[in-house]
Amino acid sequence: MSIVERAHTFVQSLRALADRTVWQWRRCPRCGDTLTHKHGSYTRRPWFFEGRRTVRVQRHWCQCCRRTYSERSALLVRGSWYSREVQRCAIDHWQHLGTSLRRTAEVLRSWLGHQERWQLWRPLAEAPASGHRCWLSASTVQRWLDRAGREAERTVAEQLAAAASSGQVATDGLWAKLRGGTKRVVLLLVDSATGLVWPPVVVAGEETAAAWERLFQRAVLAGLQLETLCGVASDGARGLGAYLHQSLEWVNHQRCVFHLWRTLAAELAQQAQAASCDLVGTAAVAARRQVRKELRALVRAVLNAPSEAVAQGALTALAADPRGHGLAVLLAEHLEAALVHLKRDNRGLLRVSPEWCWRDFRLRLSHGRNHGSERRLERAALVWAVYRNFTPRQERSERKRRYRHPGLSPLVVAGVPPGTSSYLDALSV
């Protein structure tokens, strides 16, 4: 069952639970017999958005199986002091706003109990009595998140089986420091055309082929067909290159252009410094800027060339420049890998690794310090991947940033629109 189908099924189950009639509750959920009668009731006081509410729960007794059962509500979560809406709000607050667990709990406490920061928002409001205060803690929010992560981990199989794949993917890794100084890396695989995020994995390092094999095997479990892959863009990790050579030899490997610029940075700085060694003051600054501008233009002509022939000509021009020989030597080593996106079978392949995904990911994970173990970090990453696949892109462009497929989520672009269902429904929150 795909992730969208699971979301629809969960919503339908909540609606069916909310629409159950008195007669339907007379049917025993265990044996299905209707020979039952009411068997007392008990009260619960869960927290809702408007505060704490007293809820009466009706019990029934089945004469056939001689066992009792209680009526359930779509608004409540069994065994919890907080309603479903509060738990969904807490998870969405942490995911969408990119804040910490402590601040998420603090804001919800203030809202539910009209306390703490509520007094800042409404200075004339009276503080609640001690018996009416909310005591929601960050550890409780962490348990809710981890429970959602367990659900995401359990439903990885065929999660994105119905989603279309372009055959062009990009991958990257993010290092996280756990408690006790342990370091782990989160590996990510993104479809270049749709922006769909395949379920990530957490490994000890990215230098081995086994780590990347685990990432691709999890994507296969989620529904990716390796036979359809044509190109992979990355920052040039050795482990990924070894895995592609061993198992996916037909896949072309595109080097990230951004990381190539970082490789050339030292040589650019050295040549700019050499051009101003005999100058001082503003003259030295102007000389360095001029040399950098000229060399950058020559390098851009190589990396942004519309064809391989034009790129070779631009590389020759770079090597002929008095200060560009070193850059040409460094660039020639990776020229073929930098121009993979120009091949006929790799049109649409990204030229950069998907580092933009980590911008939002870092805000929520605080580099992993909120998660005490590797398994918790991986479950949090799985929840984040589901959230990102369901969330529409920003419609409005920024001054220096434009969003592909504005207003559409990756699932919509991939051909499996979730409709009114959300990522919280897919995680059965």
Foldseek 3Di string as FASTA:
>chain_A
DALLVLLVVLVVVQVVLAPDDPQNVCQDPPPRDNQKDWDDWDWAFAFDQQATDIDIWTKMAHPPVGDIDIRDHSQADPPDSYTPVLLVQLVCCLQVVLAELAVSQVVSQCRHQVDDCVCVVPVPDDHDDPVRGDDRGSVVNLVSLLLLLVLLVVPLAQHCQVFAALLFKEKEWDWFAEPPRQIKIKIWIAGLQLRATRQIAIDRDQQALVNVVVGVVSSVRNRDDLVSHAEYEYQDRNNVVVNCVVPVVNHAYAHAPVSLVVVCVVLLQVLLQVQQVVDDDPVSVVSSVVSSVVLVVLVCQQLVPLDNVSNVVSLVVQCPDPSRVVVSVSCVVCSVNSCPCNDPSNPSHDNHHVPVLVVSVCSSCVSPHVPNDSSSVSSSSSLSSLQQQQDAAAQDADPPGDDPPHRGGSRVVRPRHSPPGHSCSSSSD
